[in-house]
């Protein structure tokens, strides 16, 4: 597989940005953004789709940690014998 050229990269990134905007506007409701998802998958190599999907999940998680903070789970109670 050859690397995407400049125009293909721009089309991919544009489709990604449109999808992410739709997901942000619709509280991550994928059903509302189906046409943008299809365009994104059609415009980008499969590995890029996988990468950008993981990247968005990470950025959302990072944002949540920065705004809400981290609370460790309760430690399991040790069994008493």
PDB file of N, CA and C in Angstrom:
ATOM      1  N   UNK A   1       0.840  -1.182   0.000  1.00  0.00           N
ATOM      2  CA  UNK A   1       0.000   0.000   0.000  1.00  0.00           C
ATOM      3  C   UNK A   1       0.887   1.248   0.000  1.00  0.00           C
ATOM      4  N   UNK A   2       0.621   2.138  -0.899  1.00  0.00           N
ATOM      5  CA  UNK A   2       1.400   3.368  -0.951  1.00  0.00           C
ATOM      6  C   UNK A   2       0.803   4.404   0.002  1.00  0.00           C
ATOM      7  N   UNK A   3       1.636   5.312   0.405  1.00  0.00           N
ATOM      8  CA  UNK A   3       1.194   6.364   1.316  1.00  0.00           C
ATOM      9  C   UNK A   3       0.244   7.313   0.586  1.00  0.00           C
ATOM     10  N   UNK A   4      -0.759   7.814   1.278  1.00  0.00           N
ATOM     11  CA  UNK A   4      -1.678   8.775   0.655  1.00  0.00           C
ATOM     12  C   UNK A   4      -0.945  10.051   0.257  1.00  0.00           C
ATOM     13  N   UNK A   5      -1.361  10.616  -0.862  1.00  0.00           N
ATOM     14  CA  UNK A   5      -0.760  11.879  -1.286  1.00  0.00           C
ATOM     15  C   UNK A   5      -1.392  13.032  -0.501  1.00  0.00           C
ATOM     16  N   UNK A   6      -0.938  14.221  -0.778  1.00  0.00           N
ATOM     17  CA  UNK A   6      -1.380  15.401  -0.028  1.00  0.00           C
ATOM     18  C   UNK A   6      -2.901  15.586  -0.078  1.00  0.00           C
ATOM     19  N   UNK A   7      -3.478  15.470  -1.253  1.00  0.00           N
ATOM     20  CA  UNK A   7      -4.929  15.650  -1.379  1.00  0.00           C
ATOM     21  C   UNK A   7      -5.703  14.561  -0.640  1.00  0.00           C
ATOM     22  N   UNK A   8      -5.195  13.335  -0.681  1.00  0.00           N
ATOM     23  CA  UNK A   8      -5.852  12.239   0.025  1.00  0.00           C
ATOM     24  C   UNK A   8      -5.767  12.443   1.546  1.00  0.00           C
ATOM     25  N   UNK A   9      -4.627  12.917   2.014  1.00  0.00           N
ATOM     26  CA  UNK A   9      -4.485  13.197   3.448  1.00  0.00           C
ATOM     27  C   UNK A   9      -5.441  14.295   3.878  1.00  0.00           C
ATOM     28  N   UNK A  10      -5.535  15.352   3.089  1.00  0.00           N
ATOM     29  CA  UNK A  10      -6.447  16.452   3.425  1.00  0.00           C
ATOM     30  C   UNK A  10      -7.894  15.967   3.452  1.00  0.00           C
ATOM     31  N   UNK A  11      -8.263  15.113   2.498  1.00  0.00           N
ATOM     32  CA  UNK A  11      -9.635  14.578   2.468  1.00  0.00           C
ATOM     33  C   UNK A  11      -9.898  13.720   3.698  1.00  0.00           C
ATOM     34  N   UNK A  12      -8.925  12.908   4.077  1.00  0.00           N
ATOM     35  CA  UNK A  12      -9.055  12.054   5.259  1.00  0.00           C
ATOM     36  C   UNK A  12      -9.208  12.908   6.515  1.00  0.00           C
ATOM     37  N   UNK A  13      -8.321  13.852   6.702  1.00  0.00           N
ATOM     38  CA  UNK A  13      -8.374  14.695   7.896  1.00  0.00           C
ATOM     39  C   UNK A  13      -9.661  15.516   7.944  1.00  0.00           C
ATOM     40  N   UNK A  14     -10.121  15.977   6.794  1.00  0.00           N
ATOM     41  CA  UNK A  14     -11.376  16.723   6.756  1.00  0.00           C
ATOM     42  C   UNK A  14     -12.554  15.846   7.156  1.00  0.00           C
ATOM     43  N   UNK A  15     -12.568  14.605   6.654  1.00  0.00           N
ATOM     44  CA  UNK A  15     -13.643  13.677   7.009  1.00  0.00           C
ATOM     45  C   UNK A  15     -13.582  13.337   8.496  1.00  0.00           C
ATOM     46  N   UNK A  16     -12.367  13.166   9.015  1.00  0.00           N
ATOM     47  CA  UNK A  16     -12.199  12.906  10.453  1.00  0.00           C
ATOM     48  C   UNK A  16     -12.728  14.071  11.281  1.00  0.00           C
ATOM     49  N   UNK A  17     -12.376  15.289  10.887  1.00  0.00           N
ATOM     50  CA  UNK A  17     -12.818  16.467  11.625  1.00  0.00           C
ATOM     51  C   UNK A  17     -14.339  16.610  11.594  1.00  0.00           C
ATOM     52  N   UNK A  18     -14.951  16.323  10.443  1.00  0.00           N
ATOM     53  CA  UNK A  18     -16.414  16.396  10.340  1.00  0.00           C
ATOM     54  C   UNK A  18     -17.074  15.356  11.248  1.00  0.00           C
ATOM     55  N   UNK A  19     -16.519  14.148  11.269  1.00  0.00           N
ATOM     56  CA  UNK A  19     -17.062  13.099  12.135  1.00  0.00           C
ATOM     57  C   UNK A  19     -16.920  13.494  13.591  1.00  0.00           C
ATOM     58  N   UNK A  20     -15.751  13.943  13.988  1.00  0.00           N
ATOM     59  CA  UNK A  20     -15.538  14.314  15.387  1.00  0.00           C
ATOM     60  C   UNK A  20     -16.442  15.461  15.796  1.00  0.00           C
ATOM     61  N   UNK A  21     -16.653  16.423  14.913  1.00  0.00           N
ATOM     62  CA  UNK A  21     -17.561  17.536  15.215  1.00  0.00           C
ATOM     63  C   UNK A  21     -18.976  17.018  15.413  1.00  0.00           C
ATOM     64  N   UNK A  22     -19.413  16.127  14.531  1.00  0.00           N
ATOM     65  CA  UNK A  22     -20.749  15.550  14.651  1.00  0.00           C
ATOM     66  C   UNK A  22     -20.887  14.796  15.972  1.00  0.00           C
ATOM     67  N   UNK A  23     -19.885  13.986  16.312  1.00  0.00           N
ATOM     68  CA  UNK A  23     -19.937  13.233  17.568  1.00  0.00           C
ATOM     69  C   UNK A  23     -19.959  14.171  18.772  1.00  0.00           C
ATOM     70  N   UNK A  24     -19.183  15.229  18.725  1.00  0.00           N
ATOM     71  CA  UNK A  24     -19.187  16.207  19.822  1.00  0.00           C
ATOM     72  C   UNK A  24     -20.552  16.888  19.938  1.00  0.00           C
ATOM     73  N   UNK A  25     -21.130  17.254  18.795  1.00  0.00           N
ATOM     74  CA  UNK A  25     -22.420  17.938  18.788  1.00  0.00           C
ATOM     75  C   UNK A  25     -23.568  17.030  19.220  1.00  0.00           C
ATOM     76  N   UNK A  26     -23.392  15.715  19.085  1.00  0.00           N
ATOM     77  CA  UNK A  26     -24.456  14.754  19.394  1.00  0.00           C
ATOM     78  C   UNK A  26     -24.113  13.848  20.570  1.00  0.00           C
ATOM     79  N   UNK A  27     -23.284  14.332  21.488  1.00  0.00           N
ATOM     80  CA  UNK A  27     -22.911  13.594  22.689  1.00  0.00           C
ATOM     81  C   UNK A  27     -22.459  12.167  22.372  1.00  0.00           C
ATOM     82  N   UNK A  28     -21.631  12.027  21.358  1.00  0.00           N
ATOM     83  CA  UNK A  28     -21.046  10.736  20.948  1.00  0.00           C
ATOM     84  C   UNK A  28     -22.086   9.701  20.506  1.00  0.00           C
ATOM     85  N   UNK A  29     -23.224  10.154  20.037  1.00  0.00           N
ATOM     86  CA  UNK A  29     -24.247   9.249  19.511  1.00  0.00           C
ATOM     87  C   UNK A  29     -23.862   8.872  18.077  1.00  0.00           C
ATOM     88  N   UNK A  30     -23.291   7.683  17.927  1.00  0.00           N
ATOM     89  CA  UNK A  30     -22.783   7.241  16.627  1.00  0.00           C
ATOM     90  C   UNK A  30     -23.875   7.133  15.575  1.00  0.00           C
ATOM     91  N   UNK A  31     -25.089   6.787  15.985  1.00  0.00           N
ATOM     92  CA  UNK A  31     -26.184   6.641  15.028  1.00  0.00           C
ATOM     93  C   UNK A  31     -26.495   7.967  14.331  1.00  0.00           C
ATOM     94  N   UNK A  32     -26.319   9.063  15.029  1.00  0.00           N
ATOM     95  CA  UNK A  32     -26.587  10.383  14.440  1.00  0.00           C
ATOM     96  C   UNK A  32     -25.531  10.797  13.434  1.00  0.00           C
ATOM     97  N   UNK A  33     -24.384  10.142  13.475  1.00  0.00           N
ATOM     98  CA  UNK A  33     -23.246  10.542  12.637  1.00  0.00           C
ATOM     99  C   UNK A  33     -22.854   9.465  11.637  1.00  0.00           C
ATOM    100  N   UNK A  34     -23.783   8.597  11.301  1.00  0.00           N
ATOM    101  CA  UNK A  34     -23.475   7.456  10.440  1.00  0.00           C
ATOM    102  C   UNK A  34     -22.918   7.875   9.085  1.00  0.00           C
ATOM    103  N   UNK A  35     -23.495   8.914   8.479  1.00  0.00           N
ATOM    104  CA  UNK A  35     -23.006   9.332   7.156  1.00  0.00           C
ATOM    105  C   UNK A  35     -21.579   9.868   7.243  1.00  0.00           C
ATOM    106  N   UNK A  36     -21.251  10.559   8.343  1.00  0.00           N
ATOM    107  CA  UNK A  36     -19.886  11.064   8.530  1.00  0.00           C
ATOM    108  C   UNK A  36     -18.922   9.913   8.782  1.00  0.00           C
ATOM    109  N   UNK A  37     -19.371   8.884   9.506  1.00  0.00           N
ATOM    110  CA  UNK A  37     -18.532   7.713   9.760  1.00  0.00           C
ATOM    111  C   UNK A  37     -18.203   7.007   8.452  1.00  0.00           C
ATOM    112  N   UNK A  38     -19.200   6.847   7.587  1.00  0.00           N
ATOM    113  CA  UNK A  38     -18.972   6.187   6.301  1.00  0.00           C
ATOM    114  C   UNK A  38     -18.013   6.991   5.429  1.00  0.00           C
ATOM    115  N   UNK A  39     -18.161   8.288   5.433  1.00  0.00           N
ATOM    116  CA  UNK A  39     -17.271   9.160   4.654  1.00  0.00           C
ATOM    117  C   UNK A  39     -15.844   9.080   5.196  1.00  0.00           C
ATOM    118  N   UNK A  40     -15.715   9.082   6.505  1.00  0.00           N
ATOM    119  CA  UNK A  40     -14.408   8.963   7.154  1.00  0.00           C
ATOM    120  C   UNK A  40     -13.743   7.645   6.760  1.00  0.00           C
ATOM    121  N   UNK A  41     -14.467   6.545   6.848  1.00  0.00           N
ATOM    122  CA  UNK A  41     -13.906   5.238   6.507  1.00  0.00           C
ATOM    123  C   UNK A  41     -13.567   5.128   5.024  1.00  0.00           C
ATOM    124  N   UNK A  42     -14.348   5.799   4.174  1.00  0.00           N
ATOM    125  CA  UNK A  42     -14.086   5.762   2.737  1.00  0.00           C
ATOM    126  C   UNK A  42     -12.899   6.652   2.351  1.00  0.00           C
ATOM    127  N   UNK A  43     -12.640   7.691   3.133  1.00  0.00           N
ATOM    128  CA  UNK A  43     -11.598   8.661   2.798  1.00  0.00           C
ATOM    129  C   UNK A  43     -10.227   8.336   3.367  1.00  0.00           C
ATOM    130  N   UNK A  44     -10.181   7.440   4.344  1.00  0.00           N
ATOM    131  CA  UNK A  44      -8.928   7.175   5.048  1.00  0.00           C
ATOM    132  C   UNK A  44      -8.525   5.708   4.944  1.00  0.00           C
ATOM    133  N   UNK A  45      -7.220   5.451   4.942  1.00  0.00           N
ATOM    134  CA  UNK A  45      -6.760   4.060   5.022  1.00  0.00           C
ATOM    135  C   UNK A  45      -7.251   3.426   6.333  1.00  0.00           C
ATOM    136  N   UNK A  46      -7.490   2.135   6.320  1.00  0.00           N
ATOM    137  CA  UNK A  46      -8.043   1.437   7.492  1.00  0.00           C
ATOM    138  C   UNK A  46      -7.185   1.644   8.740  1.00  0.00           C
ATOM    139  N   UNK A  47      -5.861   1.631   8.583  1.00  0.00           N
ATOM    140  CA  UNK A  47      -4.989   1.831   9.749  1.00  0.00           C
ATOM    141  C   UNK A  47      -5.155   3.229  10.335  1.00  0.00           C
ATOM    142  N   UNK A  48      -5.404   4.200   9.478  1.00  0.00           N
ATOM    143  CA  UNK A  48      -5.614   5.557   9.965  1.00  0.00           C
ATOM    144  C   UNK A  48      -6.940   5.648  10.720  1.00  0.00           C
ATOM    145  N   UNK A  49      -7.967   4.987  10.197  1.00  0.00           N
ATOM    146  CA  UNK A  49      -9.266   4.984  10.871  1.00  0.00           C
ATOM    147  C   UNK A  49      -9.089   4.417  12.281  1.00  0.00           C
ATOM    148  N   UNK A  50      -8.385   3.312  12.380  1.00  0.00           N
ATOM    149  CA  UNK A  50      -8.136   2.671  13.673  1.00  0.00           C
ATOM    150  C   UNK A  50      -7.367   3.618  14.595  1.00  0.00           C
ATOM    151  N   UNK A  51      -6.314   4.232  14.074  1.00  0.00           N
ATOM    152  CA  UNK A  51      -5.503   5.153  14.869  1.00  0.00           C
ATOM    153  C   UNK A  51      -6.326   6.349  15.354  1.00  0.00           C
ATOM    154  N   UNK A  52      -7.040   6.997  14.436  1.00  0.00           N
ATOM    155  CA  UNK A  52      -7.802   8.189  14.813  1.00  0.00           C
ATOM    156  C   UNK A  52      -8.923   7.856  15.798  1.00  0.00           C
ATOM    157  N   UNK A  53      -9.514   6.683  15.682  1.00  0.00           N
ATOM    158  CA  UNK A  53     -10.561   6.273  16.620  1.00  0.00           C
ATOM    159  C   UNK A  53      -9.968   6.108  18.017  1.00  0.00           C
ATOM    160  N   UNK A  54      -8.822   5.448  18.108  1.00  0.00           N
ATOM    161  CA  UNK A  54      -8.152   5.296  19.401  1.00  0.00           C
ATOM    162  C   UNK A  54      -7.694   6.650  19.938  1.00  0.00           C
ATOM    163  N   UNK A  55      -7.215   7.494  19.044  1.00  0.00           N
ATOM    164  CA  UNK A  55      -6.746   8.825  19.445  1.00  0.00           C
ATOM    165  C   UNK A  55      -7.876   9.642  20.054  1.00  0.00           C
ATOM    166  N   UNK A  56      -9.048   9.609  19.438  1.00  0.00           N
ATOM    167  CA  UNK A  56     -10.188  10.352  19.968  1.00  0.00           C
ATOM    168  C   UNK A  56     -10.597   9.824  21.338  1.00  0.00           C
ATOM    169  N   UNK A  57     -10.633   8.505  21.476  1.00  0.00           N
ATOM    170  CA  UNK A  57     -10.962   7.914  22.774  1.00  0.00           C
ATOM    171  C   UNK A  57      -9.975   8.382  23.841  1.00  0.00           C
ATOM    172  N   UNK A  58      -8.684   8.378  23.502  1.00  0.00           N
ATOM    173  CA  UNK A  58      -7.664   8.830  24.448  1.00  0.00           C
ATOM    174  C   UNK A  58      -7.853  10.304  24.808  1.00  0.00           C
ATOM    175  N   UNK A  59      -8.096  11.144  23.802  1.00  0.00           N
ATOM    176  CA  UNK A  59      -8.263  12.572  24.075  1.00  0.00           C
ATOM    177  C   UNK A  59      -9.486  12.838  24.942  1.00  0.00           C
ATOM    178  N   UNK A  60     -10.565  12.094  24.716  1.00  0.00           N
ATOM    179  CA  UNK A  60     -11.770  12.244  25.549  1.00  0.00           C
ATOM    180  C   UNK A  60     -11.475  11.813  26.985  1.00  0.00           C
ATOM    181  N   UNK A  61     -10.754  10.691  27.138  1.00  0.00           N
ATOM    182  CA  UNK A  61     -10.387  10.205  28.462  1.00  0.00           C
ATOM    183  C   UNK A  61      -9.489  11.219  29.180  1.00  0.00           C
ATOM    184  N   UNK A  62      -8.503  11.748  28.462  1.00  0.00           N
ATOM    185  CA  UNK A  62      -7.588  12.731  29.038  1.00  0.00           C
ATOM    186  C   UNK A  62      -8.352  13.979  29.490  1.00  0.00           C
ATOM    187  N   UNK A  63      -9.271  14.449  28.658  1.00  0.00           N
ATOM    188  CA  UNK A  63     -10.082  15.609  29.007  1.00  0.00           C
ATOM    189  C   UNK A  63     -10.899  15.344  30.269  1.00  0.00           C
ATOM    190  N   UNK A  64     -11.475  14.159  30.347  1.00  0.00           N
ATOM    191  CA  UNK A  64     -12.276  13.792  31.516  1.00  0.00           C
ATOM    192  C   UNK A  64     -11.411  13.777  32.766  1.00  0.00           C
ATOM    193  N   UNK A  65     -10.219  13.231  32.683  1.00  0.00           N
ATOM    194  CA  UNK A  65      -9.321  13.182  33.841  1.00  0.00           C
ATOM    195  C   UNK A  65      -8.905  14.584  34.272  1.00  0.00           C
ATOM    196  N   UNK A  66      -8.727  15.487  33.311  1.00  0.00           N
ATOM    197  CA  UNK A  66      -8.315  16.846  33.645  1.00  0.00           C
ATOM    198  C   UNK A  66      -9.450  17.643  34.273  1.00  0.00           C
ATOM    199  N   UNK A  67     -10.685  17.380  33.867  1.00  0.00           N
ATOM    200  CA  UNK A  67     -11.808  18.144  34.401  1.00  0.00           C
ATOM    201  C   UNK A  67     -12.403  17.518  35.658  1.00  0.00           C
ATOM    202  N   UNK A  68     -12.479  16.194  35.691  1.00  0.00           N
ATOM    203  CA  UNK A  68     -13.113  15.526  36.822  1.00  0.00           C
ATOM    204  C   UNK A  68     -12.118  14.970  37.822  1.00  0.00           C
ATOM    205  N   UNK A  69     -10.890  14.810  37.413  1.00  0.00           N
ATOM    206  CA  UNK A  69      -9.886  14.248  38.299  1.00  0.00           C
ATOM    207  C   UNK A  69      -9.960  12.735  38.335  1.00  0.00           C
ATOM    208  N   UNK A  70      -9.035  12.168  39.042  1.00  0.00           N
ATOM    209  CA  UNK A  70      -8.933  10.718  39.141  1.00  0.00           C
ATOM    210  C   UNK A  70      -9.308  10.294  40.545  1.00  0.00           C
ATOM    211  N   UNK A  71     -10.189   9.327  40.650  1.00  0.00           N
ATOM    212  CA  UNK A  71     -10.536   8.760  41.942  1.00  0.00           C
ATOM    213  C   UNK A  71     -10.236   7.271  41.895  1.00  0.00           C
ATOM    214  N   UNK A  72      -9.292   6.826  42.698  1.00  0.00           N
ATOM    215  CA  UNK A  72      -8.978   5.401  42.683  1.00  0.00           C
ATOM    216  C   UNK A  72     -10.145   4.579  43.212  1.00  0.00           C
ATOM    217  N   UNK A  73     -10.263   3.385  42.705  1.00  0.00           N
ATOM    218  CA  UNK A  73     -11.311   2.489  43.169  1.00  0.00           C
ATOM    219  C   UNK A  73     -10.995   2.061  44.599  1.00  0.00           C
ATOM    220  N   UNK A  74     -12.019   1.672  45.314  1.00  0.00           N
ATOM    221  CA  UNK A  74     -11.807   1.173  46.664  1.00  0.00           C
ATOM    222  C   UNK A  74     -10.959  -0.078  46.607  1.00  0.00           C
ATOM    223  N   UNK A  75     -10.078  -0.204  47.564  1.00  0.00           N
ATOM    224  CA  UNK A  75      -9.241  -1.391  47.623  1.00  0.00           C
ATOM    225  C   UNK A  75     -10.106  -2.574  48.068  1.00  0.00           C
ATOM    226  N   UNK A  76      -9.877  -3.732  47.513  1.00  0.00           N
ATOM    227  CA  UNK A  76     -10.643  -4.894  47.950  1.00  0.00           C
ATOM    228  C   UNK A  76     -10.326  -5.218  49.398  1.00  0.00           C
ATOM    229  N   UNK A  77     -11.351  -5.620  50.115  1.00  0.00           N
ATOM    230  CA  UNK A  77     -11.148  -5.973  51.517  1.00  0.00           C
ATOM    231  C   UNK A  77     -10.405  -7.292  51.573  1.00  0.00           C
ATOM    232  N   UNK A  78      -9.451  -7.346  52.474  1.00  0.00           N
ATOM    233  CA  UNK A  78      -8.664  -8.571  52.606  1.00  0.00           C
ATOM    234  C   UNK A  78      -9.473  -9.573  53.415  1.00  0.00           C
ATOM    235  N   UNK A  79      -9.429 -10.811  52.958  1.00  0.00           N
ATOM    236  CA  UNK A  79     -10.185 -11.855  53.656  1.00  0.00           C
ATOM    237  C   UNK A  79      -9.565 -12.121  55.020  1.00  0.00           C
ATOM    238  N   UNK A  80     -10.424 -12.311  55.966  1.00  0.00           N
ATOM    239  CA  UNK A  80      -9.963 -12.583  57.318  1.00  0.00           C
ATOM    240  C   UNK A  80     -10.163 -14.061  57.608  1.00  0.00           C
ATOM    241  N   UNK A  81      -9.111 -14.745  57.928  1.00  0.00           N
ATOM    242  CA  UNK A  81      -9.203 -16.179  58.212  1.00  0.00           C
ATOM    243  C   UNK A  81      -9.129 -16.456  59.667  1.00  0.00           C
TER     244      UNK A  81
END
